[in-house]
Amino acid sequence: MRNITIFTVAAFLEIAGCFAFWAWLRLGKTMWWLVPGVGLLMLFAYALTWTETDAAGRAYAAYGGVYIAASLTWLWAFENTRPDRWDILGASLCVVGAATIIAAPR
């Protein structure tokens, strides 16, 4: 359960940090959007080190599923675009994969 919380926090840090670059380059926002963007990306990388796993690659793989679901939440909450059924199906498959990686007996 702790890893799910860490992955969720990390996902929103990463998405917000990347969105700052998107806003600057695609939405015409000022370059100053990059300052918090870089800071958020640094916090994201740091947050992933808190996971309870002995292998970075396994943490990143499991994180991927959570990231996809969080990205669709961001799409809906901050970009006012509701995910369609294919988005939901794809994210669900990814979350099941991430849960398998996280919960596997080792």
N, C-alpha and C. Protein backbone atom coordinates (compact mmCIF):
# COMPACT_ATOMS: atom_id res chain seq x y z
N MET A 1 0.83 -1.19 0.00
CA MET A 1 0.00 0.00 0.00
C MET A 1 0.87 1.26 0.00
N ARG A 2 2.00 1.19 0.71
CA ARG A 2 2.90 2.34 0.77
C ARG A 2 3.42 2.69 -0.63
N ASN A 3 3.75 1.66 -1.41
CA ASN A 3 4.25 1.91 -2.76
C ASN A 3 3.21 2.60 -3.63
N ILE A 4 1.95 2.22 -3.50
CA ILE A 4 0.89 2.85 -4.30
C ILE A 4 0.82 4.34 -3.99
N THR A 5 0.92 4.70 -2.73
CA THR A 5 0.90 6.11 -2.34
C THR A 5 2.11 6.84 -2.93
N ILE A 6 3.27 6.24 -2.83
CA ILE A 6 4.49 6.85 -3.37
C ILE A 6 4.35 7.02 -4.88
N PHE A 7 3.88 5.98 -5.57
CA PHE A 7 3.72 6.06 -7.02
C PHE A 7 2.73 7.15 -7.42
N THR A 8 1.66 7.28 -6.66
CA THR A 8 0.65 8.30 -6.97
C THR A 8 1.22 9.70 -6.79
N VAL A 9 1.92 9.92 -5.69
CA VAL A 9 2.56 11.23 -5.46
C VAL A 9 3.58 11.51 -6.56
N ALA A 10 4.42 10.51 -6.85
CA ALA A 10 5.45 10.68 -7.89
C ALA A 10 4.82 11.00 -9.24
N ALA A 11 3.73 10.33 -9.56
CA ALA A 11 3.08 10.56 -10.86
C ALA A 11 2.61 12.00 -10.99
N PHE A 12 1.97 12.52 -9.98
CA PHE A 12 1.49 13.90 -10.08
C PHE A 12 2.64 14.90 -10.09
N LEU A 13 3.73 14.60 -9.39
CA LEU A 13 4.90 15.47 -9.47
C LEU A 13 5.48 15.46 -10.89
N GLU A 14 5.59 14.27 -11.47
CA GLU A 14 6.15 14.18 -12.82
C GLU A 14 5.24 14.84 -13.85
N ILE A 15 3.95 14.56 -13.77
CA ILE A 15 3.02 15.14 -14.74
C ILE A 15 3.00 16.66 -14.64
N ALA A 16 2.97 17.18 -13.42
CA ALA A 16 2.97 18.64 -13.25
C ALA A 16 4.27 19.24 -13.77
N GLY A 17 5.39 18.59 -13.49
CA GLY A 17 6.68 19.09 -13.98
C GLY A 17 6.75 19.09 -15.49
N CYS A 18 6.31 18.01 -16.10
CA CYS A 18 6.30 17.93 -17.57
C CYS A 18 5.29 18.91 -18.16
N PHE A 19 4.17 19.10 -17.49
CA PHE A 19 3.17 20.04 -18.00
C PHE A 19 3.72 21.46 -18.04
N ALA A 20 4.61 21.80 -17.11
CA ALA A 20 5.23 23.13 -17.14
C ALA A 20 5.99 23.34 -18.45
N PHE A 21 6.68 22.31 -18.91
CA PHE A 21 7.37 22.42 -20.20
C PHE A 21 6.36 22.49 -21.34
N TRP A 22 5.31 21.69 -21.26
CA TRP A 22 4.25 21.72 -22.27
C TRP A 22 3.64 23.12 -22.34
N ALA A 23 3.35 23.70 -21.18
CA ALA A 23 2.74 25.03 -21.14
C ALA A 23 3.65 26.07 -21.77
N TRP A 24 4.94 25.97 -21.52
CA TRP A 24 5.90 26.92 -22.08
C TRP A 24 5.99 26.76 -23.60
N LEU A 25 6.17 25.52 -24.06
CA LEU A 25 6.42 25.29 -25.48
C LEU A 25 5.16 25.23 -26.34
N ARG A 26 4.06 24.74 -25.78
CA ARG A 26 2.87 24.52 -26.60
C ARG A 26 1.75 25.51 -26.32
N LEU A 27 1.73 26.08 -25.11
CA LEU A 27 0.65 26.99 -24.75
C LEU A 27 1.09 28.44 -24.69
N GLY A 28 2.36 28.70 -24.98
CA GLY A 28 2.85 30.07 -25.02
C GLY A 28 3.04 30.72 -23.66
N LYS A 29 3.18 29.94 -22.62
CA LYS A 29 3.42 30.50 -21.28
C LYS A 29 4.86 30.99 -21.19
N THR A 30 5.11 31.82 -20.22
CA THR A 30 6.44 32.38 -20.01
C THR A 30 7.46 31.30 -19.63
N MET A 31 8.71 31.56 -19.91
CA MET A 31 9.79 30.63 -19.58
C MET A 31 9.87 30.37 -18.07
N TRP A 32 9.32 31.26 -17.27
CA TRP A 32 9.37 31.09 -15.81
C TRP A 32 8.59 29.86 -15.34
N TRP A 33 7.74 29.31 -16.19
CA TRP A 33 7.05 28.07 -15.85
C TRP A 33 8.04 26.92 -15.68
N LEU A 34 9.23 27.06 -16.26
CA LEU A 34 10.23 25.99 -16.17
C LEU A 34 10.84 25.87 -14.77
N VAL A 35 10.85 26.95 -14.02
CA VAL A 35 11.46 26.91 -12.69
C VAL A 35 10.73 25.92 -11.78
N PRO A 36 9.42 26.06 -11.59
CA PRO A 36 8.75 25.05 -10.77
C PRO A 36 8.72 23.68 -11.46
N GLY A 37 8.71 23.69 -12.80
CA GLY A 37 8.71 22.43 -13.53
C GLY A 37 9.93 21.58 -13.22
N VAL A 38 11.09 22.19 -13.25
CA VAL A 38 12.33 21.46 -12.95
C VAL A 38 12.32 21.00 -11.49
N GLY A 39 11.87 21.85 -10.60
CA GLY A 39 11.79 21.48 -9.18
C GLY A 39 10.86 20.29 -8.96
N LEU A 40 9.72 20.30 -9.63
CA LEU A 40 8.78 19.18 -9.49
C LEU A 40 9.37 17.88 -10.05
N LEU A 41 10.10 17.98 -11.15
CA LEU A 41 10.73 16.79 -11.72
C LEU A 41 11.82 16.24 -10.80
N MET A 42 12.51 17.11 -10.11
CA MET A 42 13.52 16.66 -9.15
C MET A 42 12.84 15.94 -7.97
N LEU A 43 11.74 16.51 -7.49
CA LEU A 43 10.99 15.87 -6.40
C LEU A 43 10.43 14.52 -6.84
N PHE A 44 9.98 14.43 -8.08
CA PHE A 44 9.48 13.17 -8.62
C PHE A 44 10.56 12.09 -8.55
N ALA A 45 11.75 12.40 -9.04
CA ALA A 45 12.84 11.42 -9.05
C ALA A 45 13.18 11.00 -7.62
N TYR A 46 13.20 11.94 -6.72
CA TYR A 46 13.49 11.64 -5.32
C TYR A 46 12.40 10.76 -4.71
N ALA A 47 11.15 11.06 -5.02
CA ALA A 47 10.03 10.30 -4.45
C ALA A 47 10.10 8.82 -4.84
N LEU A 48 10.52 8.53 -6.06
CA LEU A 48 10.59 7.13 -6.48
C LEU A 48 11.62 6.32 -5.69
N THR A 49 12.59 7.00 -5.08
CA THR A 49 13.58 6.27 -4.29
C THR A 49 13.00 5.77 -2.97
N TRP A 50 11.81 6.22 -2.59
CA TRP A 50 11.18 5.81 -1.34
C TRP A 50 10.48 4.46 -1.44
N THR A 51 10.38 3.89 -2.63
CA THR A 51 9.64 2.64 -2.77
C THR A 51 10.33 1.50 -2.05
N GLU A 52 9.51 0.54 -1.66
CA GLU A 52 10.01 -0.63 -0.94
C GLU A 52 10.33 -1.74 -1.92
N THR A 53 11.39 -1.58 -2.66
CA THR A 53 11.85 -2.61 -3.58
C THR A 53 13.36 -2.55 -3.65
N ASP A 54 13.96 -3.67 -3.98
CA ASP A 54 15.41 -3.71 -4.03
C ASP A 54 15.97 -3.41 -5.41
N ALA A 55 15.09 -3.25 -6.40
CA ALA A 55 15.55 -3.02 -7.77
C ALA A 55 14.85 -1.80 -8.37
N ALA A 56 15.63 -0.86 -8.84
CA ALA A 56 15.07 0.36 -9.42
C ALA A 56 14.19 0.04 -10.62
N GLY A 57 14.63 -0.87 -11.48
CA GLY A 57 13.85 -1.20 -12.67
C GLY A 57 12.47 -1.72 -12.35
N ARG A 58 12.36 -2.52 -11.29
CA ARG A 58 11.06 -3.04 -10.88
C ARG A 58 10.17 -1.91 -10.36
N ALA A 59 10.75 -0.99 -9.63
CA ALA A 59 9.98 0.16 -9.14
C ALA A 59 9.48 0.99 -10.32
N TYR A 60 10.33 1.22 -11.30
CA TYR A 60 9.93 2.03 -12.46
C TYR A 60 8.86 1.33 -13.27
N ALA A 61 8.97 0.01 -13.43
CA ALA A 61 7.98 -0.75 -14.19
C ALA A 61 6.61 -0.68 -13.52
N ALA A 62 6.59 -0.90 -12.21
CA ALA A 62 5.32 -0.84 -11.49
C ALA A 62 4.76 0.58 -11.51
N TYR A 63 5.62 1.55 -11.40
CA TYR A 63 5.21 2.96 -11.42
C TYR A 63 4.52 3.31 -12.74
N GLY A 64 4.95 2.69 -13.83
CA GLY A 64 4.41 3.01 -15.15
C GLY A 64 2.90 2.89 -15.22
N GLY A 65 2.34 1.85 -14.65
CA GLY A 65 0.89 1.67 -14.66
C GLY A 65 0.16 2.76 -13.90
N VAL A 66 0.71 3.11 -12.75
CA VAL A 66 0.11 4.17 -11.95
C VAL A 66 0.21 5.51 -12.68
N TYR A 67 1.34 5.73 -13.34
CA TYR A 67 1.55 6.97 -14.10
C TYR A 67 0.49 7.13 -15.20
N ILE A 68 0.19 6.06 -15.89
CA ILE A 68 -0.79 6.13 -16.97
C ILE A 68 -2.17 6.51 -16.42
N ALA A 69 -2.58 5.88 -15.34
CA ALA A 69 -3.87 6.21 -14.74
C ALA A 69 -3.88 7.66 -14.23
N ALA A 70 -2.79 8.08 -13.62
CA ALA A 70 -2.70 9.46 -13.12
C ALA A 70 -2.73 10.46 -14.27
N SER A 71 -2.14 10.10 -15.40
CA SER A 71 -2.15 10.99 -16.56
C SER A 71 -3.57 11.23 -17.06
N LEU A 72 -4.38 10.20 -17.05
CA LEU A 72 -5.78 10.37 -17.47
C LEU A 72 -6.57 11.18 -16.46
N THR A 73 -6.23 11.03 -15.19
CA THR A 73 -6.86 11.87 -14.16
C THR A 73 -6.49 13.33 -14.39
N TRP A 74 -5.22 13.57 -14.69
CA TRP A 74 -4.75 14.93 -15.00
C TRP A 74 -5.51 15.48 -16.22
N LEU A 75 -5.64 14.66 -17.26
CA LEU A 75 -6.35 15.05 -18.48
C LEU A 75 -7.74 15.57 -18.15
N TRP A 76 -8.43 14.85 -17.28
CA TRP A 76 -9.79 15.21 -16.92
C TRP A 76 -9.83 16.41 -15.98
N ALA A 77 -9.00 16.39 -14.95
CA ALA A 77 -9.05 17.43 -13.91
C ALA A 77 -8.47 18.77 -14.34
N PHE A 78 -7.39 18.75 -15.11
CA PHE A 78 -6.70 20.00 -15.42
C PHE A 78 -6.82 20.44 -16.87
N GLU A 79 -7.15 19.51 -17.75
CA GLU A 79 -7.28 19.87 -19.16
C GLU A 79 -8.72 19.79 -19.65
N ASN A 80 -9.63 19.49 -18.72
CA ASN A 80 -11.06 19.45 -19.01
C ASN A 80 -11.41 18.57 -20.21
N THR A 81 -10.72 17.45 -20.32
CA THR A 81 -11.01 16.47 -21.37
C THR A 81 -11.28 15.14 -20.70
N ARG A 82 -12.48 14.67 -20.84
CA ARG A 82 -12.86 13.43 -20.19
C ARG A 82 -12.29 12.23 -20.94
N PRO A 83 -11.62 11.31 -20.23
CA PRO A 83 -11.10 10.10 -20.88
C PRO A 83 -12.24 9.29 -21.48
N ASP A 84 -12.00 8.69 -22.64
CA ASP A 84 -13.03 7.85 -23.24
C ASP A 84 -12.88 6.41 -22.76
N ARG A 85 -13.75 5.54 -23.25
CA ARG A 85 -13.74 4.15 -22.76
C ARG A 85 -12.44 3.43 -23.10
N TRP A 86 -11.80 3.80 -24.20
CA TRP A 86 -10.53 3.16 -24.58
C TRP A 86 -9.40 3.62 -23.67
N ASP A 87 -9.44 4.88 -23.27
CA ASP A 87 -8.47 5.37 -22.29
C ASP A 87 -8.60 4.59 -20.99
N ILE A 88 -9.84 4.42 -20.54
CA ILE A 88 -10.10 3.73 -19.28
C ILE A 88 -9.68 2.25 -19.37
N LEU A 89 -10.02 1.62 -20.48
CA LEU A 89 -9.63 0.21 -20.66
C LEU A 89 -8.11 0.06 -20.66
N GLY A 90 -7.43 0.89 -21.42
CA GLY A 90 -5.97 0.82 -21.48
C GLY A 90 -5.32 1.07 -20.13
N ALA A 91 -5.81 2.08 -19.42
CA ALA A 91 -5.25 2.38 -18.09
C ALA A 91 -5.52 1.23 -17.12
N SER A 92 -6.69 0.64 -17.22
CA SER A 92 -7.03 -0.49 -16.34
C SER A 92 -6.08 -1.66 -16.55
N LEU A 93 -5.79 -1.96 -17.80
CA LEU A 93 -4.84 -3.03 -18.09
C LEU A 93 -3.46 -2.72 -17.50
N CYS A 94 -3.05 -1.48 -17.61
CA CYS A 94 -1.74 -1.08 -17.08
C CYS A 94 -1.70 -1.15 -15.56
N VAL A 95 -2.79 -0.75 -14.91
CA VAL A 95 -2.84 -0.80 -13.45
C VAL A 95 -2.82 -2.25 -12.97
N VAL A 96 -3.50 -3.14 -13.68
CA VAL A 96 -3.45 -4.55 -13.32
C VAL A 96 -2.01 -5.08 -13.45
N GLY A 97 -1.33 -4.67 -14.50
CA GLY A 97 0.07 -5.07 -14.66
C GLY A 97 0.95 -4.54 -13.54
N ALA A 98 0.74 -3.27 -13.18
CA ALA A 98 1.52 -2.67 -12.10
C ALA A 98 1.24 -3.39 -10.78
N ALA A 99 -0.04 -3.69 -10.52
CA ALA A 99 -0.40 -4.39 -9.28
C ALA A 99 0.23 -5.77 -9.23
N THR A 100 0.32 -6.43 -10.37
CA THR A 100 0.95 -7.75 -10.42
C THR A 100 2.42 -7.64 -10.03
N ILE A 101 3.10 -6.64 -10.55
CA ILE A 101 4.51 -6.45 -10.23
C ILE A 101 4.69 -6.12 -8.75
N ILE A 102 3.84 -5.24 -8.22
CA ILE A 102 3.96 -4.79 -6.84
C ILE A 102 3.65 -5.93 -5.85
N ALA A 103 2.58 -6.69 -6.14
CA ALA A 103 2.08 -7.67 -5.17
C ALA A 103 2.71 -9.05 -5.31
N ALA A 104 3.54 -9.26 -6.30
CA ALA A 104 4.12 -10.60 -6.50
C ALA A 104 4.93 -11.04 -5.28
N PRO A 105 4.75 -12.30 -4.88
CA PRO A 105 5.53 -12.79 -3.73
C PRO A 105 7.00 -12.95 -4.12
N ARG A 106 7.84 -12.33 -3.36
CA ARG A 106 9.29 -12.42 -3.63
C ARG A 106 9.99 -12.76 -2.34
